[in-house]
Amino acid sequence: MAGADRGTTAMVLESTTRRADRHRPLHPAVLGLLIGVGAALVGLAPWLVSGARLPLQNLWAAPTTPDDMPRALLPIGQYHLLTIVGLLVTGGAAAGTVLRVWIPDRRRTVTGSAVAGLLAVHVAAAAQSLTVAGSGLSAGQTARIYLVGILAGVVVTLAAAVVALLLLSAASRTTAALGVGLVAVPTALWAGEWALAFAEPFEVPAWVHLAIRWLPAVLVGCALAWCGLASMRRRAVWLVDLALLWLVPPVFDTVRTVVGTRVYLGDPGAMLTLARDALSSSLGPGGGSAATVATAVVIAVAGLLVRAALRRRRSST
């Protein structure tokens, strides 16, 4: 009987151990890695859904059609640099947002692993895409300079994606609000890619273009209302976020204009002049940045008033 009891006890303990193993949470490092990989894939999703065909290249060695271009995990091309910014930075923003909302234990370990997972996907996507593009370009110095320029832009964007992750995942509300200011415009670019994944540009409804146009102002305005004005540091975040909202769209428009103009390729002086004129025009009254900033301020102030009213209601009950 005693032996049978010991056998029964051993079986019960083994069964309990197995159940505990099944319900044991993942190691924080593994969980962070999964978050980083998943967020990176979310960032790339609109491009992957659209078919992920390498865009037509001006320096392609052989005549081809868009449908015959090879698959690439990133849209490598001088006309798609801002698309790459939207895809990669939004991936970092997604990972940072998950970590900020979830607030995991061992935050530093999880965050570091999330950065590793994000970079693993991003670097692999960049390497595959640059290799595919390089294998089809015509030989010569111009093609090499073109690839090096694209690579430099991708590296800077990878760094921006990591910064976005770290800012948005921070415990500090002011730091996270600063992160929103950094990713607001890239997030709008990412949203625009979703619209283009299912329709040609001329087929996208006007209200979709309008929503994407004002999305950065809405994001920044909500972030500033959430941040508040209770300290000098938070007021500084207001200034920085509004400055980013004013400067980033014109800078992006300038980049799009300069790299998309083949006439001045190889003439640095002419390209600098074009960049200066384009930036001045975008920052001027007709550029639209002032209206975007004003909209963000209105949303932020309205949010502060709503928060104050809710606090008064809670204190009176």
Protein backbone atom coordinates (compact mmCIF):
# COMPACT_ATOMS: atom_id res chain seq x y z
CA MET A 1 0.00 0.00 0.00
CA ALA A 2 2.81 2.38 0.91
CA GLY A 3 4.47 1.71 -2.45
CA ALA A 4 1.20 2.35 -4.27
CA ASP A 5 0.74 5.64 -2.36
CA ARG A 6 4.25 6.73 -3.29
CA GLY A 7 3.58 5.83 -6.92
CA THR A 8 0.31 7.79 -6.92
CA THR A 9 2.04 10.78 -5.32
CA ALA A 10 4.81 10.69 -7.93
CA MET A 11 2.24 10.61 -10.75
CA VAL A 12 0.36 13.56 -9.27
CA LEU A 13 3.59 15.56 -8.91
CA GLU A 14 4.63 14.74 -12.47
CA SER A 15 1.23 15.79 -13.82
CA THR A 16 1.34 19.04 -11.83
CA THR A 17 4.84 19.78 -13.11
CA ARG A 18 3.74 19.23 -16.68
CA ARG A 19 0.79 21.60 -16.26
CA ALA A 20 3.06 24.22 -14.70
CA ASP A 21 5.49 23.88 -17.59
CA ARG A 22 2.67 24.40 -20.09
CA HIS A 23 1.55 27.60 -18.32
CA ARG A 24 5.02 28.93 -17.56
CA PRO A 25 5.41 32.37 -19.20
CA LEU A 26 8.01 32.91 -21.86
CA HIS A 27 11.39 34.20 -20.81
CA PRO A 28 11.43 38.04 -21.03
CA ALA A 29 14.23 37.96 -23.62
CA VAL A 30 12.26 35.58 -25.85
CA LEU A 31 9.10 37.63 -25.44
CA GLY A 32 10.92 40.85 -26.32
CA LEU A 33 12.41 39.20 -29.39
CA LEU A 34 8.97 38.12 -30.56
CA ILE A 35 7.61 41.63 -30.03
CA GLY A 36 10.42 43.14 -32.09
CA VAL A 37 10.02 40.64 -34.93
CA GLY A 38 6.24 40.99 -34.96
CA ALA A 39 6.38 44.81 -34.94
CA ALA A 40 8.90 44.82 -37.79
CA LEU A 41 6.56 42.63 -39.85
CA VAL A 42 3.67 44.97 -39.06
CA GLY A 43 5.74 47.83 -40.41
CA LEU A 44 6.55 45.94 -43.62
CA ALA A 45 3.01 44.61 -44.02
CA PRO A 46 1.58 47.15 -46.51
CA TRP A 47 4.53 46.66 -48.84
CA LEU A 48 4.38 42.87 -48.55
CA VAL A 49 0.62 42.85 -49.16
CA SER A 50 1.06 44.96 -52.29
CA GLY A 51 3.20 42.22 -53.86
CA ALA A 52 6.69 43.38 -52.86
CA ARG A 53 7.93 43.83 -56.41
CA LEU A 54 11.13 45.85 -56.69
CA PRO A 55 10.23 49.21 -58.27
CA LEU A 56 11.45 49.93 -61.77
CA GLN A 57 15.02 51.23 -61.73
CA ASN A 58 16.46 53.92 -63.98
CA LEU A 59 19.78 52.05 -64.03
CA TRP A 60 18.36 48.55 -64.62
CA ALA A 61 20.59 46.60 -66.98
CA ALA A 62 17.85 45.07 -69.17
CA PRO A 63 14.48 46.40 -70.36
CA THR A 64 11.68 45.03 -68.19
CA THR A 65 8.14 45.63 -66.98
CA PRO A 66 6.89 46.22 -63.41
CA ASP A 67 5.43 42.71 -63.22
CA ASP A 68 8.75 41.16 -64.23
CA MET A 69 10.80 42.88 -61.53
CA PRO A 70 12.10 40.56 -58.78
CA ARG A 71 10.65 40.38 -55.28
CA ALA A 72 12.20 42.62 -52.66
CA LEU A 73 11.33 43.04 -48.98
CA LEU A 74 11.91 46.80 -49.23
CA PRO A 75 11.04 49.14 -52.12
CA ILE A 76 14.62 50.03 -53.00
CA GLY A 77 14.61 53.03 -55.34
CA GLN A 78 15.25 56.75 -55.38
CA TYR A 79 11.53 57.50 -55.67
CA HIS A 80 10.67 55.30 -52.69
CA LEU A 81 13.04 56.51 -49.98
CA LEU A 82 10.21 58.00 -47.93
CA THR A 83 8.24 54.77 -48.26
CA ILE A 84 11.18 52.96 -46.66
CA VAL A 85 11.15 55.52 -43.84
CA GLY A 86 7.47 54.88 -43.22
CA LEU A 87 7.82 51.09 -43.24
CA LEU A 88 10.85 50.87 -40.94
CA VAL A 89 10.09 53.67 -38.47
CA THR A 90 6.50 52.50 -38.03
CA GLY A 91 7.83 49.06 -37.14
CA GLY A 92 9.91 50.62 -34.36
CA ALA A 93 6.94 52.69 -33.25
CA ALA A 94 4.72 49.59 -33.07
CA ALA A 95 7.22 47.75 -30.87
CA GLY A 96 7.66 50.76 -28.59
CA THR A 97 3.90 51.22 -28.25
CA VAL A 98 3.38 47.58 -27.26
CA LEU A 99 6.07 47.83 -24.59
CA ARG A 100 4.70 51.16 -23.33
CA VAL A 101 1.15 49.88 -22.97
CA TRP A 102 2.10 46.49 -21.61
CA ILE A 103 4.76 47.71 -19.11
CA PRO A 104 6.52 44.35 -18.71
CA ASP A 105 8.64 43.15 -15.83
CA ARG A 106 12.39 43.31 -16.49
CA ARG A 107 11.73 46.20 -18.87
CA ARG A 108 15.37 46.62 -19.83
CA THR A 109 15.77 42.98 -20.87
CA VAL A 110 12.55 42.95 -22.86
CA THR A 111 13.36 46.26 -24.56
CA GLY A 112 16.84 45.14 -25.54
CA SER A 113 15.48 41.92 -27.00
CA ALA A 114 12.79 43.84 -28.87
CA VAL A 115 15.47 46.05 -30.44
CA ALA A 116 17.37 42.90 -31.46
CA GLY A 117 14.26 41.34 -33.03
CA LEU A 118 13.37 44.55 -34.85
CA LEU A 119 16.87 44.96 -36.27
CA ALA A 120 17.09 41.29 -37.25
CA VAL A 121 14.07 41.64 -39.56
CA HIS A 122 15.01 45.10 -40.81
CA VAL A 123 18.62 44.22 -41.59
CA ALA A 124 17.59 40.99 -43.30
CA ALA A 125 15.01 42.86 -45.40
CA ALA A 126 17.53 45.55 -46.34
CA ALA A 127 20.24 43.03 -47.22
CA GLN A 128 17.91 40.97 -49.39
CA SER A 129 16.52 44.01 -51.19
CA LEU A 130 19.88 45.67 -51.83
CA THR A 131 21.29 42.37 -53.09
CA VAL A 132 18.39 41.91 -55.49
CA ALA A 133 18.67 45.50 -56.71
CA GLY A 134 22.44 45.33 -57.09
CA SER A 135 22.29 42.12 -59.10
CA GLY A 136 20.09 43.70 -61.74
CA LEU A 137 21.62 47.15 -62.08
CA SER A 138 23.92 48.00 -64.94
CA ALA A 139 27.63 47.92 -64.23
CA GLY A 140 29.45 51.17 -63.61
CA GLN A 141 30.28 53.82 -61.05
CA THR A 142 26.87 55.49 -61.25
CA ALA A 143 25.13 52.30 -60.14
CA ARG A 144 27.59 51.84 -57.28
CA ILE A 145 27.06 55.41 -56.06
CA TYR A 146 23.31 54.88 -56.33
CA LEU A 147 23.41 51.76 -54.15
CA VAL A 148 25.71 53.38 -51.59
CA GLY A 149 23.35 56.34 -51.35
CA ILE A 150 20.34 54.07 -50.84
CA LEU A 151 22.29 52.07 -48.24
CA ALA A 152 23.16 55.24 -46.32
CA GLY A 153 19.51 56.26 -46.26
CA VAL A 154 18.47 52.83 -45.02
CA VAL A 155 21.07 52.88 -42.22
CA VAL A 156 19.86 56.28 -41.01
CA THR A 157 16.28 55.03 -41.10
CA LEU A 158 17.20 51.91 -39.10
CA ALA A 159 18.68 54.16 -36.41
CA ALA A 160 15.50 56.27 -36.41
CA ALA A 161 13.39 53.12 -35.97
CA VAL A 162 15.41 52.09 -32.92
CA VAL A 163 15.16 55.60 -31.44
CA ALA A 164 11.38 55.51 -31.97
CA LEU A 165 11.17 52.17 -30.14
CA LEU A 166 13.21 53.44 -27.19
CA LEU A 167 11.31 56.72 -26.88
CA LEU A 168 7.84 55.22 -27.09
CA SER A 169 8.66 52.37 -24.71
CA ALA A 170 10.05 54.68 -22.02
CA ALA A 171 8.31 54.85 -18.66
CA SER A 172 8.36 58.66 -18.77
CA ARG A 173 5.25 60.21 -20.27
CA THR A 174 7.22 63.15 -21.66
CA THR A 175 9.70 60.86 -23.41
CA ALA A 176 6.91 58.81 -24.95
CA ALA A 177 5.14 61.98 -26.13
CA LEU A 178 8.39 63.08 -27.75
CA GLY A 179 8.47 59.73 -29.54
CA VAL A 180 5.02 60.38 -30.98
CA GLY A 181 6.29 63.63 -32.47
CA LEU A 182 9.13 61.74 -34.13
CA VAL A 183 6.96 59.02 -35.69
CA ALA A 184 3.85 61.02 -36.59
CA VAL A 185 4.78 61.75 -40.20
CA PRO A 186 6.34 58.32 -40.93
CA THR A 187 3.16 56.72 -39.56
CA ALA A 188 1.12 58.73 -42.06
CA LEU A 189 3.43 57.51 -44.84
CA TRP A 190 2.83 53.94 -43.66
CA ALA A 191 -0.94 54.48 -43.64
CA GLY A 192 -0.69 55.84 -47.17
CA GLU A 193 1.05 52.65 -48.28
CA TRP A 194 -1.94 50.65 -47.04
CA ALA A 195 -4.19 52.73 -49.29
CA LEU A 196 -1.88 52.17 -52.27
CA ALA A 197 -1.66 48.43 -51.57
CA PHE A 198 -5.24 47.97 -52.71
CA ALA A 199 -5.70 50.70 -55.31
CA GLU A 200 -3.88 52.87 -57.79
CA PRO A 201 -3.14 56.42 -56.59
CA PHE A 202 -5.91 57.93 -58.72
CA GLU A 203 -8.41 55.37 -57.35
CA VAL A 204 -7.88 56.18 -53.66
CA PRO A 205 -10.91 58.13 -52.35
CA ALA A 206 -10.38 61.78 -51.53
CA TRP A 207 -11.37 61.29 -47.89
CA VAL A 208 -8.55 58.75 -47.47
CA HIS A 209 -6.01 61.27 -48.76
CA LEU A 210 -7.50 63.86 -46.43
CA ALA A 211 -7.32 61.55 -43.40
CA ILE A 212 -3.69 60.68 -44.12
CA ARG A 213 -2.89 64.37 -44.65
CA TRP A 214 -4.09 65.31 -41.17
CA LEU A 215 -3.09 62.15 -39.32
CA PRO A 216 0.24 63.61 -38.03
CA ALA A 217 -1.56 66.61 -36.55
CA VAL A 218 -4.07 64.35 -34.80
CA LEU A 219 -1.34 62.10 -33.39
CA VAL A 220 0.76 65.00 -32.13
CA GLY A 221 -2.24 66.85 -30.71
CA CYS A 222 -3.42 63.82 -28.76
CA ALA A 223 0.11 63.12 -27.50
CA LEU A 224 0.51 66.70 -26.25
CA ALA A 225 -2.86 66.62 -24.51
CA TRP A 226 -1.81 63.37 -22.82
CA CYS A 227 1.57 64.85 -21.91
CA GLY A 228 0.17 68.03 -20.38
CA LEU A 229 1.85 71.29 -19.40
CA ALA A 230 2.55 70.65 -15.73
CA SER A 231 6.33 71.16 -15.90
CA MET A 232 9.00 72.90 -17.93
CA ARG A 233 10.06 69.56 -19.37
CA ARG A 234 6.56 68.88 -20.67
CA ARG A 235 6.35 72.37 -22.15
CA ALA A 236 9.65 71.71 -23.91
CA VAL A 237 8.13 68.55 -25.40
CA TRP A 238 5.31 70.68 -26.78
CA LEU A 239 7.81 72.94 -28.51
CA VAL A 240 9.87 70.06 -29.91
CA ASP A 241 6.87 68.08 -31.17
CA LEU A 242 5.33 71.11 -32.83
CA ALA A 243 8.70 72.00 -34.38
CA LEU A 244 8.97 68.46 -35.76
CA LEU A 245 5.45 68.70 -37.14
CA TRP A 246 6.39 71.95 -38.87
CA LEU A 247 9.80 70.84 -40.20
CA VAL A 248 9.55 67.13 -41.06
CA PRO A 249 6.92 67.32 -43.85
CA PRO A 250 8.82 70.07 -45.73
CA VAL A 251 12.09 68.18 -45.31
CA PHE A 252 10.47 65.02 -46.66
CA ASP A 253 8.95 66.96 -49.57
CA THR A 254 12.38 68.42 -50.32
CA VAL A 255 14.00 64.98 -50.31
CA ARG A 256 11.27 63.67 -52.61
CA THR A 257 11.82 66.57 -55.02
CA VAL A 258 15.61 66.40 -55.09
CA VAL A 259 16.06 62.63 -55.42
CA GLY A 260 13.20 62.41 -57.91
CA THR A 261 14.74 64.93 -60.31
CA ARG A 262 17.10 63.14 -62.69
CA VAL A 263 18.12 66.32 -64.51
CA TYR A 264 20.46 67.41 -61.70
CA LEU A 265 22.00 64.03 -60.90
CA GLY A 266 25.75 64.37 -60.78
CA ASP A 267 25.60 68.14 -60.21
CA PRO A 268 25.86 68.72 -56.42
CA GLY A 269 25.63 72.49 -56.75
CA ALA A 270 22.40 72.34 -58.72
CA MET A 271 20.96 69.76 -56.32
CA LEU A 272 21.74 71.96 -53.31
CA THR A 273 20.10 74.93 -54.99
CA LEU A 274 17.03 72.84 -55.79
CA ALA A 275 16.90 71.59 -52.19
CA ARG A 276 17.14 75.11 -50.80
CA ASP A 277 14.39 76.43 -53.07
CA ALA A 278 12.11 73.45 -52.41
CA LEU A 279 12.57 73.69 -48.64
CA SER A 280 11.93 77.43 -48.62
CA SER A 281 8.75 76.92 -50.61
CA SER A 282 7.53 74.11 -48.32
CA LEU A 283 8.21 76.12 -45.16
CA GLY A 284 6.48 79.21 -46.55
CA PRO A 285 2.80 80.18 -46.21
CA GLY A 286 1.81 77.93 -49.09
CA GLY A 287 3.52 74.87 -47.69
CA GLY A 288 0.76 73.80 -45.33
CA SER A 289 2.91 73.25 -42.24
CA ALA A 290 1.38 76.18 -40.37
CA ALA A 291 -2.11 74.74 -40.78
CA THR A 292 -0.92 71.33 -39.58
CA VAL A 293 0.72 72.81 -36.48
CA ALA A 294 -2.35 74.94 -35.73
CA THR A 295 -4.58 71.87 -35.95
CA ALA A 296 -2.35 69.97 -33.54
CA VAL A 297 -2.43 72.88 -31.08
CA VAL A 298 -6.24 73.05 -31.23
CA ILE A 299 -6.53 69.30 -30.59
CA ALA A 300 -4.01 69.48 -27.73
CA VAL A 301 -5.74 72.40 -26.00
CA ALA A 302 -9.14 70.75 -26.42
CA GLY A 303 -7.72 67.59 -24.88
CA LEU A 304 -6.34 69.53 -21.91
CA LEU A 305 -9.74 71.15 -21.34
CA VAL A 306 -11.48 67.76 -21.44
CA ARG A 307 -8.96 66.33 -18.95
CA ALA A 308 -9.48 69.30 -16.61
CA ALA A 309 -13.25 68.91 -16.78
CA LEU A 310 -13.00 65.20 -15.98
CA ARG A 311 -10.74 65.91 -13.00
CA ARG A 312 -13.21 68.46 -11.65
CA ARG A 313 -16.07 66.00 -12.06
CA ARG A 314 -14.16 63.26 -10.22
CA SER A 315 -13.22 65.63 -7.38
CA SER A 316 -16.82 66.77 -6.94
CA THR A 317 -18.20 63.24 -6.59
